[in-house]
C-alpha atoms as a PDB file:
ATOM      1  CA  ARG A   1     100.862  89.752  63.695  1.00  0.00           C
ATOM      2  CA  ASN A   2     104.390  90.960  62.617  1.00  0.00           C
ATOM      3  CA  LYS A   3     104.297  93.444  66.071  1.00  0.00           C
ATOM      4  CA  ILE A   4     103.463  89.956  68.273  1.00  0.00           C
ATOM      5  CA  ASN A   5     106.219  88.170  66.634  1.00  0.00           C
ATOM      6  CA  VAL A   6     108.629  91.013  67.243  1.00  0.00           C
ATOM      7  CA  TRP A   7     107.797  90.862  70.814  1.00  0.00           C
ATOM      8  CA  LEU A   8     107.822  87.128  71.380  1.00  0.00           C
ATOM      9  CA  LEU A   9     111.174  86.943  69.827  1.00  0.00           C
ATOM     10  CA  GLN A  10     112.418  90.026  72.206  1.00  0.00           C
ATOM     11  CA  ILE A  11     110.838  87.825  75.508  1.00  0.00           C
ATOM     12  CA  VAL A  12     112.478  84.755  74.158  1.00  0.00           C
ATOM     13  CA  GLU A  13     115.965  86.322  73.315  1.00  0.00           C
ATOM     14  CA  SER A  14     115.839  87.922  77.016  1.00  0.00           C
ATOM     15  CA  LEU A  15     114.937  84.528  78.632  1.00  0.00           C
ATOM     16  CA  SER A  16     117.281  82.205  76.612  1.00  0.00           C
ATOM     17  CA  THR A  17     120.217  83.113  78.686  1.00  0.00           C
ATOM     18  CA  LYS A  18     120.812  83.280  82.499  1.00  0.00           C
ATOM     19  CA  GLU A  19     121.812  86.457  82.484  1.00  0.00           C
ATOM     20  CA  GLY A  20     118.944  87.949  80.828  1.00  0.00           C
ATOM     21  CA  TYR A  21     116.494  86.185  82.934  1.00  0.00           C
ATOM     22  CA  LYS A  22     117.984  88.040  85.888  1.00  0.00           C
ATOM     23  CA  LYS A  23     118.526  91.583  84.447  1.00  0.00           C
ATOM     24  CA  LYS A  24     115.005  91.870  82.499  1.00  0.00           C
ATOM     25  CA  TYR A  25     112.666  89.010  83.719  1.00  0.00           C
ATOM     26  CA  SER A  26     113.895  88.542  87.428  1.00  0.00           C
ATOM     27  CA  TYR A  27     110.438  87.545  88.080  1.00  0.00           C
ATOM     28  CA  LYS A  28     109.311  84.046  86.776  1.00  0.00           C
ATOM     29  CA  SER A  29     105.609  85.557  86.605  1.00  0.00           C
ATOM     30  CA  ARG A  30     106.938  87.581  83.739  1.00  0.00           C
ATOM     31  CA  TYR A  31     106.171  84.517  81.596  1.00  0.00           C
ATOM     32  CA  ARG A  32     102.503  85.721  81.890  1.00  0.00           C
ATOM     33  CA  LEU A  33     103.409  88.297  79.429  1.00  0.00           C
ATOM     34  CA  LEU A  34     103.243  85.644  76.772  1.00  0.00           C
ATOM     35  CA  PHE A  35      99.394  85.632  77.276  1.00  0.00           C
ATOM     36  CA  TYR A  36      99.099  89.300  76.020  1.00  0.00           C
ATOM     37  CA  ASN A  37      98.330  88.001  72.387  1.00  0.00           C
ATOM     38  CA  PRO A  38      95.021  87.084  70.415  1.00  0.00           C
ATOM     39  CA  VAL A  39      95.855  83.498  70.386  1.00  0.00           C
ATOM     40  CA  PHE A  40      96.538  82.938  74.139  1.00  0.00           C
ATOM     41  CA  MET A  41      93.878  85.169  75.192  1.00  0.00           C
ATOM     42  CA  PRO A  42      90.639  83.322  74.438  1.00  0.00           C
ATOM     43  CA  ILE A  43      92.632  80.269  76.018  1.00  0.00           C
ATOM     44  CA  LEU A  44      93.071  81.884  79.056  1.00  0.00           C
ATOM     45  CA  VAL A  45      89.481  83.293  79.602  1.00  0.00           C
ATOM     46  CA  GLN A  46      88.209  80.129  78.653  1.00  0.00           C
ATOM     47  CA  ASP A  47      90.225  77.996  81.184  1.00  0.00           C
ATOM     48  CA  ALA A  48      89.834  80.368  84.124  1.00  0.00           C
ATOM     49  CA  GLN A  49      86.129  80.625  83.853  1.00  0.00           C
ATOM     50  CA  PHE A  50      85.729  76.898  83.433  1.00  0.00           C
ATOM     51  CA  ALA A  51      87.817  76.459  86.396  1.00  0.00           C
ATOM     52  CA  LEU A  52      85.821  78.745  88.471  1.00  0.00           C
ATOM     53  CA  ASP A  53      82.556  77.225  87.377  1.00  0.00           C
ATOM     54  CA  GLN A  54      83.594  74.228  88.691  1.00  0.00           C
ATOM     55  CA  TYR A  55      84.885  75.604  92.233  1.00  0.00           C
ATOM     56  CA  PHE A  56      81.520  77.194  92.647  1.00  0.00           C
ATOM     57  CA  LYS A  57      79.230  74.222  91.533  1.00  0.00           C
ATOM     58  CA  GLU A  58      78.592  73.527  95.214  1.00  0.00           C
ATOM     59  CA  ARG A  59      79.512  76.491  96.714  1.00  0.00           C
ATOM     60  CA  GLN A  60      77.613  80.152  96.687  1.00  0.00           C
ATOM     61  CA  THR A  61      78.685  82.322  93.790  1.00  0.00           C
ATOM     62  CA  PRO A  62      79.745  85.852  94.690  1.00  0.00           C
ATOM     63  CA  LYS A  63      76.840  88.217  93.263  1.00  0.00           C
ATOM     64  CA  PHE A  64      76.952  91.891  92.138  1.00  0.00           C
ATOM     65  CA  THR A  65      74.664  94.963  92.488  1.00  0.00           C
ATOM     66  CA  SER A  66      74.186  95.788  89.027  1.00  0.00           C
ATOM     67  CA  LYS A  67      76.277  95.900  85.529  1.00  0.00           C
ATOM     68  CA  GLN A  68      78.128  99.468  86.894  1.00  0.00           C
ATOM     69  CA  ASP A  69      79.869  97.732  89.729  1.00  0.00           C
ATOM     70  CA  VAL A  70      83.540  98.136  90.388  1.00  0.00           C
ATOM     71  CA  VAL A  71      85.721  95.904  91.932  1.00  0.00           C
ATOM     72  CA  ILE A  72      88.987  97.332  93.485  1.00  0.00           C
ATOM     73  CA  HIS A  73      92.120  95.323  94.355  1.00  0.00           C
ATOM     74  CA  ILE A  74      94.482  96.321  96.951  1.00  0.00           C
ATOM     75  CA  ARG A  75      97.525  94.500  97.598  1.00  0.00           C
ATOM     76  CA  CYS A  76      98.728  94.565 100.695  1.00  0.00           C
ATOM     77  CA  GLY A  77     100.698  91.794 102.867  1.00  0.00           C
ATOM     78  CA  ASP A  78     104.106  91.761 102.380  1.00  0.00           C
ATOM     79  CA  ILE A  79     104.156  95.416 100.509  1.00  0.00           C
ATOM     80  CA  LEU A  80     104.637  96.744 104.235  1.00  0.00           C
ATOM     81  CA  SER A  81     108.069  95.448 104.405  1.00  0.00           C
ATOM     82  CA  ALA A  82     109.328  93.135 101.501  1.00  0.00           C
ATOM     83  CA  GLY A  83     110.787  96.302  99.956  1.00  0.00           C
ATOM     84  CA  GLY A  84     110.143  96.083  96.124  1.00  0.00           C
ATOM     85  CA  ASP A  85     110.015  98.571  93.349  1.00  0.00           C
ATOM     86  CA  GLU A  86     107.371  96.921  91.195  1.00  0.00           C
ATOM     87  CA  TYR A  87     104.699  96.305  94.113  1.00  0.00           C
ATOM     88  CA  GLY A  88     102.809  99.150  95.893  1.00  0.00           C
ATOM     89  CA  PHE A  89      99.840 100.808  96.867  1.00  0.00           C
ATOM     90  CA  MET A  90      97.908 103.438  94.591  1.00  0.00           C
ATOM     91  CA  SER A  91      97.171 106.887  95.491  1.00  0.00           C
ATOM     92  CA  ALA A  92      94.019 108.642  95.349  1.00  0.00           C
ATOM     93  CA  GLY A  93      94.735 110.696  92.140  1.00  0.00           C
ATOM     94  CA  PHE A  94      95.216 107.164  90.432  1.00  0.00           C
ATOM     95  CA  TYR A  95      91.371 106.099  91.539  1.00  0.00           C
ATOM     96  CA  ARG A  96      90.454 109.285  90.676  1.00  0.00           C
ATOM     97  CA  LYS A  97      91.857 108.653  86.916  1.00  0.00           C
ATOM     98  CA  ALA A  98      90.544 105.265  87.071  1.00  0.00           C
ATOM     99  CA  PHE A  99      87.187 106.617  87.708  1.00  0.00           C
ATOM    100  CA  GLU A 100      87.079 109.114  85.081  1.00  0.00           C
ATOM    101  CA  ILE A 101      87.853 106.253  82.713  1.00  0.00           C
ATOM    102  CA  ILE A 102      85.085 104.149  83.959  1.00  0.00           C
ATOM    103  CA  ASN A 103      82.730 107.478  83.608  1.00  0.00           C
ATOM    104  CA  SER A 104      83.734 107.789  79.997  1.00  0.00           C
ATOM    105  CA  LEU A 105      83.278 104.144  79.217  1.00  0.00           C
ATOM    106  CA  ASN A 106      79.691 104.290  80.755  1.00  0.00           C
ATOM    107  CA  ALA A 107      78.639 108.029  80.021  1.00  0.00           C
ATOM    108  CA  THR A 108      74.984 106.879  78.762  1.00  0.00           C
ATOM    109  CA  ASP A 109      74.102 104.777  82.217  1.00  0.00           C
ATOM    110  CA  ASN A 110      75.611 106.370  85.099  1.00  0.00           C
ATOM    111  CA  ASN A 111      72.348 105.932  87.368  1.00  0.00           C
ATOM    112  CA  GLY A 112      71.033 103.347  89.589  1.00  0.00           C
ATOM    113  CA  ASP A 113      72.365 101.604  92.378  1.00  0.00           C
ATOM    114  CA  LYS A 114      76.156 100.436  92.309  1.00  0.00           C
ATOM    115  CA  THR A 115      78.525  98.985  94.474  1.00  0.00           C
ATOM    116  CA  ILE A 116      82.236  99.194  94.886  1.00  0.00           C
ATOM    117  CA  TRP A 117      83.724  96.092  96.298  1.00  0.00           C
ATOM    118  CA  ILE A 118      87.162  96.215  97.753  1.00  0.00           C
ATOM    119  CA  LEU A 119      89.022  93.455  97.906  1.00  0.00           C
ATOM    120  CA  SER A 120      92.332  93.034 100.113  1.00  0.00           C
ATOM    121  CA  GLN A 121      94.502  91.057 102.468  1.00  0.00           C
ATOM    122  CA  LEU A 122      92.708  91.933 106.047  1.00  0.00           C
ATOM    123  CA  GLY A 123      92.223  87.826 107.210  1.00  0.00           C
ATOM    124  CA  ASP A 124      93.426  84.614 107.305  1.00  0.00           C
ATOM    125  CA  ASN A 125      91.326  83.360 104.606  1.00  0.00           C
ATOM    126  CA  SER A 126      93.250  85.984 102.407  1.00  0.00           C
ATOM    127  CA  LEU A 127      96.637  85.002 102.592  1.00  0.00           C
ATOM    128  CA  ARG A 128      98.809  82.702 101.033  1.00  0.00           C
ATOM    129  CA  SER A 129      99.773  79.803 103.063  1.00  0.00           C
ATOM    130  CA  ASP A 130     102.697  79.299 105.578  1.00  0.00           C
ATOM    131  CA  ASP A 131     103.598  76.083 103.213  1.00  0.00           C
ATOM    132  CA  LEU A 132     103.722  78.109 100.348  1.00  0.00           C
ATOM    133  CA  LEU A 133     105.596  81.330 101.961  1.00  0.00           C
ATOM    134  CA  GLY A 134     106.904  79.905 105.091  1.00  0.00           C
ATOM    135  CA  LYS A 135     107.724  80.229 108.709  1.00  0.00           C
ATOM    136  CA  GLY A 136     108.405  84.162 107.640  1.00  0.00           C
ATOM    137  CA  ASN A 137     105.426  84.592 105.998  1.00  0.00           C
ATOM    138  CA  LEU A 138     104.781  88.306 105.643  1.00  0.00           C
ATOM    139  CA  GLU A 139     101.481  88.372 104.475  1.00  0.00           C
ATOM    140  CA  ARG A 140     100.648  87.067 108.059  1.00  0.00           C
ATOM    141  CA  LYS A 141     102.874  89.160 109.746  1.00  0.00           C
ATOM    142  CA  ASN A 142     101.417  92.331 108.381  1.00  0.00           C
ATOM    143  CA  THR A 143      97.628  91.388 109.000  1.00  0.00           C
ATOM    144  CA  ALA A 144      96.904  94.037 111.554  1.00  0.00           C
ATOM    145  CA  GLY A 145      99.207  96.917 109.424  1.00  0.00           C
ATOM    146  CA  CYS A 146      97.249  96.124 106.158  1.00  0.00           C
ATOM    147  CA  ASN A 147      93.742  96.517 107.993  1.00  0.00           C
ATOM    148  CA  GLN A 148      95.236  99.822 109.452  1.00  0.00           C
ATOM    149  CA  VAL A 149      96.318 101.041 106.188  1.00  0.00           C
ATOM    150  CA  VAL A 150      93.435  99.849 104.023  1.00  0.00           C
ATOM    151  CA  LEU A 151      90.613 100.636 105.921  1.00  0.00           C
ATOM    152  CA  GLY A 152      92.194 103.771 106.602  1.00  0.00           C
ATOM    153  CA  ILE A 153      92.845 104.642 103.182  1.00  0.00           C
ATOM    154  CA  ILE A 154      88.990 103.635 102.155  1.00  0.00           C
ATOM    155  CA  LYS A 155      87.519 105.576 105.117  1.00  0.00           C
ATOM    156  CA  ARG A 156      89.467 108.616 104.116  1.00  0.00           C
ATOM    157  CA  ILE A 157      88.624 108.666 100.337  1.00  0.00           C
ATOM    158  CA  LYS A 158      84.910 108.296 101.132  1.00  0.00           C
ATOM    159  CA  ASN A 159      85.063 111.284 103.750  1.00  0.00           C
ATOM    160  CA  GLU A 160      87.453 113.761 101.992  1.00  0.00           C
ATOM    161  CA  THR A 161      87.061 113.232  98.321  1.00  0.00           C
ATOM    162  CA  ASN A 162      84.147 112.430  95.814  1.00  0.00           C
ATOM    163  CA  ILE A 163      85.884 109.918  94.015  1.00  0.00           C
ATOM    164  CA  PHE A 164      83.308 107.172  95.282  1.00  0.00           C
ATOM    165  CA  ASP A 165      80.187 109.498  95.037  1.00  0.00           C
ATOM    166  CA  GLY A 166      77.272 107.455  94.282  1.00  0.00           C
ATOM    167  CA  TYR A 167      78.432 104.119  95.130  1.00  0.00           C
ATOM    168  CA  ASP A 168      77.677 101.720  98.127  1.00  0.00           C
ATOM    169  CA  VAL A 169      81.253 100.469  99.253  1.00  0.00           C
ATOM    170  CA  MET A 170      81.543  96.889 100.131  1.00  0.00           C
ATOM    171  CA  ILE A 171      84.814  95.839 101.855  1.00  0.00           C
ATOM    172  CA  GLU A 172      85.732  92.248 101.594  1.00  0.00           C
ATOM    173  CA  GLY A 173      89.282  91.317 103.205  1.00  0.00           C
ATOM    174  CA  ASN A 174      89.104  88.169 103.967  1.00  0.00           C
ATOM    175  CA  ASN A 175      87.644  86.113 100.955  1.00  0.00           C
ATOM    176  CA  PRO A 176      89.173  82.779  99.924  1.00  0.00           C
ATOM    177  CA  LEU A 177      91.516  83.615  96.823  1.00  0.00           C
ATOM    178  CA  ASN A 178      89.037  82.118  94.676  1.00  0.00           C
ATOM    179  CA  VAL A 179      86.063  84.028  95.496  1.00  0.00           C
ATOM    180  CA  ASP A 180      88.559  87.064  94.803  1.00  0.00           C
ATOM    181  CA  PHE A 181      89.501  85.674  91.693  1.00  0.00           C
ATOM    182  CA  TYR A 182      85.766  85.430  90.473  1.00  0.00           C
ATOM    183  CA  ARG A 183      85.320  88.801  91.769  1.00  0.00           C
ATOM    184  CA  MET A 184      88.036  90.460  89.763  1.00  0.00           C
ATOM    185  CA  ALA A 185      87.332  87.910  86.437  1.00  0.00           C
ATOM    186  CA  ASN A 186      83.700  88.932  86.174  1.00  0.00           C
ATOM    187  CA  ALA A 187      83.902  92.464  87.498  1.00  0.00           C
ATOM    188  CA  PRO A 188      81.783  95.059  85.390  1.00  0.00           C
ATOM    189  CA  TYR A 189      84.892  97.251  85.912  1.00  0.00           C
ATOM    190  CA  LEU A 190      88.217  96.034  87.685  1.00  0.00           C
ATOM    191  CA  ILE A 191      90.540  98.320  89.162  1.00  0.00           C
ATOM    192  CA  CYS A 192      94.234  96.419  89.690  1.00  0.00           C
ATOM    193  CA  GLY A 193      96.712  97.918  91.561  1.00  0.00           C
ATOM    194  CA  MET A 194     100.598  96.687  91.452  1.00  0.00           C
ATOM    195  CA  SER A 195      99.504  93.165  91.742  1.00  0.00           C
ATOM    196  CA  THR A 196     100.274  90.102  89.679  1.00  0.00           C
ATOM    197  CA  PHE A 197      97.118  88.195  91.114  1.00  0.00           C
ATOM    198  CA  CYS A 198      95.019  91.345  89.842  1.00  0.00           C
ATOM    199  CA  GLU A 199      96.461  91.382  86.551  1.00  0.00           C
ATOM    200  CA  GLN A 200      95.615  87.311  86.242  1.00  0.00           C
ATOM    201  CA  GLY A 201      92.012  88.354  86.837  1.00  0.00           C
ATOM    202  CA  ALA A 202      91.987  91.226  84.416  1.00  0.00           C
ATOM    203  CA  LEU A 203      93.521  88.923  81.689  1.00  0.00           C
ATOM    204  CA  SER A 204      90.789  86.672  82.615  1.00  0.00           C
ATOM    205  CA  ASN A 205      87.941  89.555  82.198  1.00  0.00           C
ATOM    206  CA  MET A 206      85.950  90.174  79.361  1.00  0.00           C
ATOM    207  CA  ASN A 207      84.633  93.278  80.340  1.00  0.00           C
ATOM    208  CA  ASN A 208      86.871  96.812  81.198  1.00  0.00           C
ATOM    209  CA  VAL A 209      89.605  96.513  83.464  1.00  0.00           C
ATOM    210  CA  ILE A 210      92.346  99.173  84.599  1.00  0.00           C
ATOM    211  CA  LEU A 211      95.687  98.843  85.322  1.00  0.00           C
ATOM    212  CA  PRO A 212      98.519 100.991  86.367  1.00  0.00           C
ATOM    213  CA  ILE A 213     101.095 101.115  83.485  1.00  0.00           C
ATOM    214  CA  TYR A 214     104.122 100.560  86.123  1.00  0.00           C
ATOM    215  CA  GLY A 215     104.172  97.540  87.989  1.00  0.00           C
ATOM    216  CA  PRO A 216     105.285  94.281  88.111  1.00  0.00           C
ATOM    217  CA  TRP A 217     104.961  94.166  84.375  1.00  0.00           C
ATOM    218  CA  LYS A 218     106.934  97.497  83.818  1.00  0.00           C
ATOM    219  CA  ASP A 219     108.491  96.087  80.418  1.00  0.00           C
ATOM    220  CA  LEU A 220     104.968  96.408  79.136  1.00  0.00           C
ATOM    221  CA  LYS A 221     105.161 100.151  79.425  1.00  0.00           C
ATOM    222  CA  ASP A 222     108.210  99.987  77.168  1.00  0.00           C
ATOM    223  CA  MET A 223     106.285  97.704  74.774  1.00  0.00           C
ATOM    224  CA  ILE A 224     103.270  99.832  74.554  1.00  0.00           C
ATOM    225  CA  GLU A 225     104.816 103.045  73.909  1.00  0.00           C
ATOM    226  CA  HIS A 226     107.046 101.290  71.091  1.00  0.00           C
ATOM    227  CA  GLY A 227     103.761  99.763  69.756  1.00  0.00           C
ATOM    228  CA  ASN A 228     105.227  96.265  69.629  1.00  0.00           C
ATOM    229  CA  VAL A 229     102.560  94.374  72.168  1.00  0.00           C
ATOM    230  CA  TRP A 230      99.224  93.748  71.293  1.00  0.00           C
ATOM    231  CA  ILE A 231      96.877  94.797  74.050  1.00  0.00           C
ATOM    232  CA  PRO A 232      93.069  93.908  74.906  1.00  0.00           C
ATOM    233  CA  HIS A 233      90.812  96.178  73.642  1.00  0.00           C
ATOM    234  CA  ASN A 234      88.988  96.262  77.339  1.00  0.00           C
ATOM    235  CA  HIS A 235      92.538  96.925  79.163  1.00  0.00           C
ATOM    236  CA  HIS A 236      92.870 100.598  79.912  1.00  0.00           C
ATOM    237  CA  PHE A 237      95.973 102.036  81.905  1.00  0.00           C
ATOM    238  CA  VAL A 238      96.676 104.758  83.989  1.00  0.00           C
ATOM    239  CA  ASN A 239     100.540 106.156  84.044  1.00  0.00           C
ATOM    240  CA  ASN A 240     101.358 105.835  87.776  1.00  0.00           C
ATOM    241  CA  SER A 241     104.872 106.881  87.320  1.00  0.00           C
ATOM    242  CA  LEU A 242     103.374 110.765  86.425  1.00  0.00           C
ATOM    243  CA  ASP A 243     102.701 112.720  89.781  1.00  0.00           C
ATOM    244  CA  ASN A 244     103.655 109.900  92.485  1.00  0.00           C
ATOM    245  CA  LEU A 245     100.432 108.428  91.686  1.00  0.00           C
ATOM    246  CA  SER A 246     101.542 105.138  93.486  1.00  0.00           C
ATOM    247  CA  LEU A 247     103.672 104.498  96.740  1.00  0.00           C
ATOM    248  CA  SER A 248     106.000 101.425  96.068  1.00  0.00           C
ATOM    249  CA  SER A 249     106.959  98.879  98.964  1.00  0.00           C
ATOM    250  CA  HIS A 250     110.461 100.398  98.326  1.00  0.00           C
ATOM    251  CA  GLN A 251     109.684 103.680  99.082  1.00  0.00           C
ATOM    252  CA  ILE A 252     107.649 102.457 102.533  1.00  0.00           C
ATOM    253  CA  GLY A 253     111.398 100.776 103.794  1.00  0.00           C
ATOM    254  CA  LYS A 254     113.290 103.495 102.650  1.00  0.00           C
ATOM    255  CA  ARG A 255     111.458 106.169 104.499  1.00  0.00           C
ATOM    256  CA  ASN A 256     110.346 103.975 107.188  1.00  0.00           C
ATOM    257  CA  LEU A 257     106.741 105.123 107.023  1.00  0.00           C
ATOM    258  CA  THR A 258     104.114 104.346 109.536  1.00  0.00           C
ATOM    259  CA  PRO A 259     100.658 103.184 108.700  1.00  0.00           C
ATOM    260  CA  ASN A 260      99.450 106.508 109.212  1.00  0.00           C
ATOM    261  CA  ALA A 261     102.270 107.905 107.000  1.00  0.00           C
ATOM    262  CA  ILE A 262     101.356 105.565 104.021  1.00  0.00           C
ATOM    263  CA  ILE A 263      97.606 107.072 104.078  1.00  0.00           C
ATOM    264  CA  ASN A 264      98.425 110.391 104.528  1.00  0.00           C
ATOM    265  CA  HIS A 265     100.871 110.209 101.515  1.00  0.00           C
ATOM    266  CA  ILE A 266      98.002 108.143  99.204  1.00  0.00           C
ATOM    267  CA  LEU A 267      95.556 110.857 100.380  1.00  0.00           C
ATOM    268  CA  THR A 268      98.047 113.645  99.352  1.00  0.00           C
ATOM    269  CA  HIS A 269      98.987 112.204  95.875  1.00  0.00           C
END
């Protein structure tokens, strides 16, 4: 309780001044870090599942193959051109470490049919609206590039590594956002990239989730290291700041990387 109070005070103090908000919490979505405590989490999970139940009352609910299924969310969209440091693609090395965690958690039951569900932004249904993002909607602008990058990454991981061995791989790149959120919130195992959308699904998931320790929630890394933040028992982190386990949007822009160059980087790190 004392650790939680110290952490909440840090956030409140930082948000209490305009300068502090700009410097440490430049994204409005940093408020979501307040949910990392044992008081809010059960409320968030309950409300998210209730909303999903209401949405799927008259729609077909997504199905899983087994309790060993894995959902991987690959954010793309504006990553190809927005230039931020806190968003990007995860490397093959990151996914290898993520599956090592899954295998350690699932050591006694690792046989039978199981599926990897790949979620991304590859079609109109999966994009945020022009009304929300404006006429210069980078998610829509980058759809073709995202198809090339995401499909290329998955194809080469399947063909050139053993990371996905033992799984069927299903790519769902044109789901409505609520369908993607359902998959993430209910996945037996969820692997997130540097994405606040996926993190919201992770916060609503009662099974096991794996996140990069560095992302739009980068202050969380310092809080974990200093031991002054409560972390749900089912959250597992991979330190992607080591060994270049991620490729940020800023790096893509600075190096003017083509889709093929992005894929090559992902497969070699």
